[in-house]
Amino acid sequence: MPTPAKPNGRRGANAKAPEEPAGPQPCSACRATGNVFANRAGEQVSVACPWCQGSGSWSPGFDAQDAGVFPGA
């Protein structure tokens, strides 16, 4: 008896793309705290999360890199 094929991560031609959730979602980068840790001069410091801008919730469609919130980017 042949073993079933393993999924390869590809969607079929007729498969729909997953829908983006509407409205703000909890930010996974900071775990909805609004802060992330950065290593500055060998010390760990807490800074406002650039993905949710410190709010703790992420808005679908917002791109932190495109918005220029990363210093030196």
PDB file of N, CA and C in Angstrom:
ATOM      1  N   MET A   1       0.853  -1.176   0.000  1.00  0.00           N
ATOM      2  CA  MET A   1       0.000   0.000   0.000  1.00  0.00           C
ATOM      3  C   MET A   1       0.900   1.242   0.000  1.00  0.00           C
ATOM      4  N   PRO A   2       0.740   2.142  -0.982  1.00  0.00           N
ATOM      5  CA  PRO A   2       1.595   3.340  -1.036  1.00  0.00           C
ATOM      6  C   PRO A   2       1.254   4.315   0.079  1.00  0.00           C
ATOM      7  N   THR A   3       2.285   5.041   0.517  1.00  0.00           N
ATOM      8  CA  THR A   3       2.063   6.045   1.554  1.00  0.00           C
ATOM      9  C   THR A   3       1.524   7.316   0.912  1.00  0.00           C
ATOM     10  N   PRO A   4       0.654   8.036   1.607  1.00  0.00           N
ATOM     11  CA  PRO A   4       0.108   9.278   1.028  1.00  0.00           C
ATOM     12  C   PRO A   4       1.209  10.324   0.868  1.00  0.00           C
ATOM     13  N   ALA A   5       1.039  11.139  -0.148  1.00  0.00           N
ATOM     14  CA  ALA A   5       2.023  12.202  -0.405  1.00  0.00           C
ATOM     15  C   ALA A   5       1.982  13.236   0.705  1.00  0.00           C
ATOM     16  N   LYS A   6       3.149  13.741   1.040  1.00  0.00           N
ATOM     17  CA  LYS A   6       3.227  14.788   2.059  1.00  0.00           C
ATOM     18  C   LYS A   6       2.925  16.134   1.417  1.00  0.00           C
ATOM     19  N   PRO A   7       2.259  17.020   2.137  1.00  0.00           N
ATOM     20  CA  PRO A   7       2.005  18.351   1.576  1.00  0.00           C
ATOM     21  C   PRO A   7       3.331  19.086   1.377  1.00  0.00           C
ATOM     22  N   ASN A   8       3.440  19.792   0.273  1.00  0.00           N
ATOM     23  CA  ASN A   8       4.688  20.491  -0.016  1.00  0.00           C
ATOM     24  C   ASN A   8       4.599  21.987   0.227  1.00  0.00           C
ATOM     25  N   GLY A   9       3.512  22.446   0.824  1.00  0.00           N
ATOM     26  CA  GLY A   9       3.385  23.864   1.144  1.00  0.00           C
ATOM     27  C   GLY A   9       2.830  24.697   0.002  1.00  0.00           C
ATOM     28  N   ARG A  10       2.608  24.091  -1.132  1.00  0.00           N
ATOM     29  CA  ARG A  10       2.078  24.829  -2.274  1.00  0.00           C
ATOM     30  C   ARG A  10       0.565  24.722  -2.319  1.00  0.00           C
ATOM     31  N   ARG A  11      -0.060  25.798  -2.774  1.00  0.00           N
ATOM     32  CA  ARG A  11      -1.510  25.775  -2.940  1.00  0.00           C
ATOM     33  C   ARG A  11      -1.817  25.309  -4.352  1.00  0.00           C
ATOM     34  N   GLY A  12      -2.921  24.658  -4.513  1.00  0.00           N
ATOM     35  CA  GLY A  12      -3.360  24.249  -5.840  1.00  0.00           C
ATOM     36  C   GLY A  12      -3.772  25.458  -6.655  1.00  0.00           C
ATOM     37  N   ALA A  13      -3.970  25.263  -7.937  1.00  0.00           N
ATOM     38  CA  ALA A  13      -4.312  26.367  -8.837  1.00  0.00           C
ATOM     39  C   ALA A  13      -5.630  27.036  -8.462  1.00  0.00           C
ATOM     40  N   ASN A  14      -6.544  26.270  -7.888  1.00  0.00           N
ATOM     41  CA  ASN A  14      -7.859  26.825  -7.546  1.00  0.00           C
ATOM     42  C   ASN A  14      -7.973  27.236  -6.084  1.00  0.00           C
ATOM     43  N   ALA A  15      -6.900  27.088  -5.327  1.00  0.00           N
ATOM     44  CA  ALA A  15      -6.953  27.417  -3.901  1.00  0.00           C
ATOM     45  C   ALA A  15      -6.957  28.929  -3.711  1.00  0.00           C
ATOM     46  N   LYS A  16      -7.737  29.365  -2.747  1.00  0.00           N
ATOM     47  CA  LYS A  16      -7.796  30.799  -2.436  1.00  0.00           C
ATOM     48  C   LYS A  16      -6.671  31.161  -1.483  1.00  0.00           C
ATOM     49  N   ALA A  17      -6.152  32.369  -1.630  1.00  0.00           N
ATOM     50  CA  ALA A  17      -5.155  32.868  -0.695  1.00  0.00           C
ATOM     51  C   ALA A  17      -5.842  33.116   0.642  1.00  0.00           C
ATOM     52  N   PRO A  18      -5.138  32.898   1.757  1.00  0.00           N
ATOM     53  CA  PRO A  18      -5.768  33.159   3.051  1.00  0.00           C
ATOM     54  C   PRO A  18      -6.160  34.630   3.160  1.00  0.00           C
ATOM     55  N   GLU A  19      -7.327  34.853   3.725  1.00  0.00           N
ATOM     56  CA  GLU A  19      -7.794  36.234   3.886  1.00  0.00           C
ATOM     57  C   GLU A  19      -7.067  36.897   5.037  1.00  0.00           C
ATOM     58  N   GLU A  20      -6.746  38.172   4.845  1.00  0.00           N
ATOM     59  CA  GLU A  20      -6.102  38.943   5.894  1.00  0.00           C
ATOM     60  C   GLU A  20      -7.170  39.348   6.896  1.00  0.00           C
ATOM     61  N   PRO A  21      -6.898  39.200   8.198  1.00  0.00           N
ATOM     62  CA  PRO A  21      -7.905  39.575   9.188  1.00  0.00           C
ATOM     63  C   PRO A  21      -8.207  41.074   9.119  1.00  0.00           C
ATOM     64  N   ALA A  22      -9.439  41.410   9.349  1.00  0.00           N
ATOM     65  CA  ALA A  22      -9.836  42.814   9.346  1.00  0.00           C
ATOM     66  C   ALA A  22      -9.604  43.408  10.730  1.00  0.00           C
ATOM     67  N   GLY A  23      -9.119  44.620  10.753  1.00  0.00           N
ATOM     68  CA  GLY A  23      -8.929  45.328  12.013  1.00  0.00           C
ATOM     69  C   GLY A  23      -7.659  44.943  12.741  1.00  0.00           C
ATOM     70  N   PRO A  24      -7.350  45.645  13.797  1.00  0.00           N
ATOM     71  CA  PRO A  24      -6.124  45.402  14.557  1.00  0.00           C
ATOM     72  C   PRO A  24      -6.085  44.005  15.170  1.00  0.00           C
ATOM     73  N   GLN A  25      -4.893  43.429  15.202  1.00  0.00           N
ATOM     74  CA  GLN A  25      -4.643  42.115  15.779  1.00  0.00           C
ATOM     75  C   GLN A  25      -3.556  42.259  16.833  1.00  0.00           C
ATOM     76  N   PRO A  26      -3.479  41.372  17.824  1.00  0.00           N
ATOM     77  CA  PRO A  26      -2.375  41.432  18.789  1.00  0.00           C
ATOM     78  C   PRO A  26      -1.050  41.306  18.055  1.00  0.00           C
ATOM     79  N   CYS A  27      -0.106  42.136  18.400  1.00  0.00           N
ATOM     80  CA  CYS A  27       1.206  42.157  17.745  1.00  0.00           C
ATOM     81  C   CYS A  27       2.007  40.935  18.196  1.00  0.00           C
ATOM     82  N   SER A  28       2.442  40.124  17.229  1.00  0.00           N
ATOM     83  CA  SER A  28       3.213  38.932  17.580  1.00  0.00           C
ATOM     84  C   SER A  28       4.688  39.261  17.812  1.00  0.00           C
ATOM     85  N   ALA A  29       5.176  40.360  17.267  1.00  0.00           N
ATOM     86  CA  ALA A  29       6.585  40.718  17.442  1.00  0.00           C
ATOM     87  C   ALA A  29       6.906  41.049  18.902  1.00  0.00           C
ATOM     88  N   CYS A  30       5.998  41.746  19.574  1.00  0.00           N
ATOM     89  CA  CYS A  30       6.236  42.144  20.970  1.00  0.00           C
ATOM     90  C   CYS A  30       5.331  41.382  21.934  1.00  0.00           C
ATOM     91  N   ARG A  31       4.573  40.428  21.403  1.00  0.00           N
ATOM     92  CA  ARG A  31       3.613  39.656  22.203  1.00  0.00           C
ATOM     93  C   ARG A  31       2.590  40.573  22.871  1.00  0.00           C
ATOM     94  N   ALA A  32       2.176  41.591  22.129  1.00  0.00           N
ATOM     95  CA  ALA A  32       1.143  42.557  22.534  1.00  0.00           C
ATOM     96  C   ALA A  32       1.528  43.396  23.749  1.00  0.00           C
ATOM     97  N   THR A  33       2.826  43.503  24.040  1.00  0.00           N
ATOM     98  CA  THR A  33       3.267  44.333  25.165  1.00  0.00           C
ATOM     99  C   THR A  33       3.571  45.764  24.737  1.00  0.00           C
ATOM    100  N   GLY A  34       3.871  45.956  23.444  1.00  0.00           N
ATOM    101  CA  GLY A  34       4.229  47.284  22.956  1.00  0.00           C
ATOM    102  C   GLY A  34       5.717  47.571  23.055  1.00  0.00           C
ATOM    103  N   ASN A  35       6.490  46.661  23.654  1.00  0.00           N
ATOM    104  CA  ASN A  35       7.932  46.858  23.800  1.00  0.00           C
ATOM    105  C   ASN A  35       8.697  45.638  23.323  1.00  0.00           C
ATOM    106  N   VAL A  36       9.869  45.886  22.760  1.00  0.00           N
ATOM    107  CA  VAL A  36      10.808  44.826  22.404  1.00  0.00           C
ATOM    108  C   VAL A  36      12.157  45.195  23.015  1.00  0.00           C
ATOM    109  N   PHE A  37      13.052  44.233  23.084  1.00  0.00           N
ATOM    110  CA  PHE A  37      14.371  44.495  23.636  1.00  0.00           C
ATOM    111  C   PHE A  37      15.378  44.670  22.513  1.00  0.00           C
ATOM    112  N   ALA A  38      16.265  45.627  22.683  1.00  0.00           N
ATOM    113  CA  ALA A  38      17.324  45.889  21.716  1.00  0.00           C
ATOM    114  C   ALA A  38      18.653  45.834  22.441  1.00  0.00           C
ATOM    115  N   ASN A  39      19.675  45.431  21.738  1.00  0.00           N
ATOM    116  CA  ASN A  39      21.014  45.368  22.302  1.00  0.00           C
ATOM    117  C   ASN A  39      21.739  46.640  21.879  1.00  0.00           C
ATOM    118  N   ARG A  40      21.966  47.511  22.812  1.00  0.00           N
ATOM    119  CA  ARG A  40      22.658  48.774  22.529  1.00  0.00           C
ATOM    120  C   ARG A  40      23.904  48.861  23.386  1.00  0.00           C
ATOM    121  N   ALA A  41      25.046  48.909  22.716  1.00  0.00           N
ATOM    122  CA  ALA A  41      26.347  49.006  23.389  1.00  0.00           C
ATOM    123  C   ALA A  41      26.522  47.895  24.420  1.00  0.00           C
ATOM    124  N   GLY A  42      26.051  46.704  24.076  1.00  0.00           N
ATOM    125  CA  GLY A  42      26.214  45.559  24.964  1.00  0.00           C
ATOM    126  C   GLY A  42      25.194  45.461  26.075  1.00  0.00           C
ATOM    127  N   GLU A  43      24.270  46.397  26.148  1.00  0.00           N
ATOM    128  CA  GLU A  43      23.230  46.355  27.179  1.00  0.00           C
ATOM    129  C   GLU A  43      21.878  46.137  26.521  1.00  0.00           C
ATOM    130  N   GLN A  44      21.034  45.387  27.191  1.00  0.00           N
ATOM    131  CA  GLN A  44      19.692  45.141  26.692  1.00  0.00           C
ATOM    132  C   GLN A  44      18.769  46.243  27.198  1.00  0.00           C
ATOM    133  N   VAL A  45      18.124  46.943  26.262  1.00  0.00           N
ATOM    134  CA  VAL A  45      17.208  48.019  26.633  1.00  0.00           C
ATOM    135  C   VAL A  45      15.846  47.764  26.001  1.00  0.00           C
ATOM    136  N   SER A  46      14.801  48.210  26.650  1.00  0.00           N
ATOM    137  CA  SER A  46      13.446  48.079  26.142  1.00  0.00           C
ATOM    138  C   SER A  46      13.127  49.300  25.278  1.00  0.00           C
ATOM    139  N   VAL A  47      12.623  49.046  24.071  1.00  0.00           N
ATOM    140  CA  VAL A  47      12.242  50.123  23.156  1.00  0.00           C
ATOM    141  C   VAL A  47      10.829  49.853  22.646  1.00  0.00           C
ATOM    142  N   ALA A  48      10.173  50.892  22.159  1.00  0.00           N
ATOM    143  CA  ALA A  48       8.831  50.731  21.590  1.00  0.00           C
ATOM    144  C   ALA A  48       8.914  49.826  20.369  1.00  0.00           C
ATOM    145  N   CYS A  49       7.984  48.927  20.252  1.00  0.00           N
ATOM    146  CA  CYS A  49       7.947  47.974  19.140  1.00  0.00           C
ATOM    147  C   CYS A  49       7.736  48.730  17.821  1.00  0.00           C
ATOM    148  N   PRO A  50       8.627  48.540  16.847  1.00  0.00           N
ATOM    149  CA  PRO A  50       8.464  49.253  15.576  1.00  0.00           C
ATOM    150  C   PRO A  50       7.314  48.723  14.727  1.00  0.00           C
ATOM    151  N   TRP A  51       6.873  47.486  14.948  1.00  0.00           N
ATOM    152  CA  TRP A  51       5.807  46.915  14.133  1.00  0.00           C
ATOM    153  C   TRP A  51       4.437  47.422  14.554  1.00  0.00           C
ATOM    154  N   CYS A  52       4.231  47.620  15.855  1.00  0.00           N
ATOM    155  CA  CYS A  52       2.924  48.130  16.305  1.00  0.00           C
ATOM    156  C   CYS A  52       3.044  49.556  16.835  1.00  0.00           C
ATOM    157  N   GLN A  53       4.242  50.107  16.799  1.00  0.00           N
ATOM    158  CA  GLN A  53       4.531  51.469  17.258  1.00  0.00           C
ATOM    159  C   GLN A  53       4.181  51.659  18.724  1.00  0.00           C
ATOM    160  N   GLY A  54       4.374  50.579  19.511  1.00  0.00           N
ATOM    161  CA  GLY A  54       4.168  50.654  20.948  1.00  0.00           C
ATOM    162  C   GLY A  54       2.740  50.459  21.414  1.00  0.00           C
ATOM    163  N   SER A  55       1.828  50.198  20.490  1.00  0.00           N
ATOM    164  CA  SER A  55       0.423  50.075  20.883  1.00  0.00           C
ATOM    165  C   SER A  55       0.053  48.666  21.351  1.00  0.00           C
ATOM    166  N   GLY A  56       0.820  47.657  20.929  1.00  0.00           N
ATOM    167  CA  GLY A  56       0.496  46.282  21.292  1.00  0.00           C
ATOM    168  C   GLY A  56      -0.445  45.612  20.317  1.00  0.00           C
ATOM    169  N   SER A  57      -0.991  46.369  19.363  1.00  0.00           N
ATOM    170  CA  SER A  57      -1.844  45.766  18.336  1.00  0.00           C
ATOM    171  C   SER A  57      -1.339  46.182  16.961  1.00  0.00           C
ATOM    172  N   TRP A  58      -1.360  45.214  16.056  1.00  0.00           N
ATOM    173  CA  TRP A  58      -0.830  45.388  14.721  1.00  0.00           C
ATOM    174  C   TRP A  58      -1.975  45.531  13.741  1.00  0.00           C
ATOM    175  N   SER A  59      -1.880  46.484  12.839  1.00  0.00           N
ATOM    176  CA  SER A  59      -2.917  46.687  11.825  1.00  0.00           C
ATOM    177  C   SER A  59      -2.507  45.979  10.540  1.00  0.00           C
ATOM    178  N   PRO A  60      -3.352  45.099  10.010  1.00  0.00           N
ATOM    179  CA  PRO A  60      -3.023  44.427   8.760  1.00  0.00           C
ATOM    180  C   PRO A  60      -2.715  45.437   7.664  1.00  0.00           C
ATOM    181  N   GLY A  61      -1.698  45.147   6.896  1.00  0.00           N
ATOM    182  CA  GLY A  61      -1.304  46.031   5.810  1.00  0.00           C
ATOM    183  C   GLY A  61      -0.230  47.029   6.194  1.00  0.00           C
ATOM    184  N   PHE A  62       0.039  47.224   7.491  1.00  0.00           N
ATOM    185  CA  PHE A  62       1.078  48.157   7.913  1.00  0.00           C
ATOM    186  C   PHE A  62       2.436  47.500   7.737  1.00  0.00           C
ATOM    187  N   ASP A  63       3.368  48.181   7.095  1.00  0.00           N
ATOM    188  CA  ASP A  63       4.719  47.675   6.871  1.00  0.00           C
ATOM    189  C   ASP A  63       5.705  48.599   7.572  1.00  0.00           C
ATOM    190  N   ALA A  64       6.274  48.136   8.674  1.00  0.00           N
ATOM    191  CA  ALA A  64       7.192  48.958   9.468  1.00  0.00           C
ATOM    192  C   ALA A  64       8.414  49.363   8.665  1.00  0.00           C
ATOM    193  N   GLN A  65       8.920  48.483   7.824  1.00  0.00           N
ATOM    194  CA  GLN A  65      10.096  48.801   7.027  1.00  0.00           C
ATOM    195  C   GLN A  65       9.770  49.852   5.993  1.00  0.00           C
ATOM    196  N   ASP A  66       8.618  49.747   5.347  1.00  0.00           N
ATOM    197  CA  ASP A  66       8.217  50.734   4.331  1.00  0.00           C
ATOM    198  C   ASP A  66       7.941  52.083   4.974  1.00  0.00           C
ATOM    199  N   ALA A  67       7.425  52.079   6.215  1.00  0.00           N
ATOM    200  CA  ALA A  67       7.111  53.315   6.912  1.00  0.00           C
ATOM    201  C   ALA A  67       8.362  54.027   7.423  1.00  0.00           C
ATOM    202  N   GLY A  68       9.504  53.339   7.416  1.00  0.00           N
ATOM    203  CA  GLY A  68      10.754  53.960   7.850  1.00  0.00           C
ATOM    204  C   GLY A  68      10.893  54.098   9.338  1.00  0.00           C
ATOM    205  N   VAL A  69      10.322  53.165  10.114  1.00  0.00           N
ATOM    206  CA  VAL A  69      10.406  53.284  11.563  1.00  0.00           C
ATOM    207  C   VAL A  69      11.677  52.657  12.131  1.00  0.00           C
ATOM    208  N   PHE A  70      12.477  52.000  11.274  1.00  0.00           N
ATOM    209  CA  PHE A  70      13.721  51.401  11.736  1.00  0.00           C
ATOM    210  C   PHE A  70      14.848  52.405  11.573  1.00  0.00           C
ATOM    211  N   PRO A  71      15.543  52.774  12.647  1.00  0.00           N
ATOM    212  CA  PRO A  71      16.646  53.714  12.532  1.00  0.00           C
ATOM    213  C   PRO A  71      17.753  53.129  11.674  1.00  0.00           C
ATOM    214  N   GLY A  72      18.302  53.939  10.811  1.00  0.00           N
ATOM    215  CA  GLY A  72      19.422  53.514   9.967  1.00  0.00           C
ATOM    216  C   GLY A  72      19.019  52.610   8.828  1.00  0.00           C
ATOM    217  N   ALA A  73      17.729  52.454   8.592  1.00  0.00           N
ATOM    218  CA  ALA A  73      17.286  51.563   7.502  1.00  0.00           C
ATOM    219  C   ALA A  73      17.167  52.325   6.210  1.00  0.00           C
TER     220      ALA A  73
END
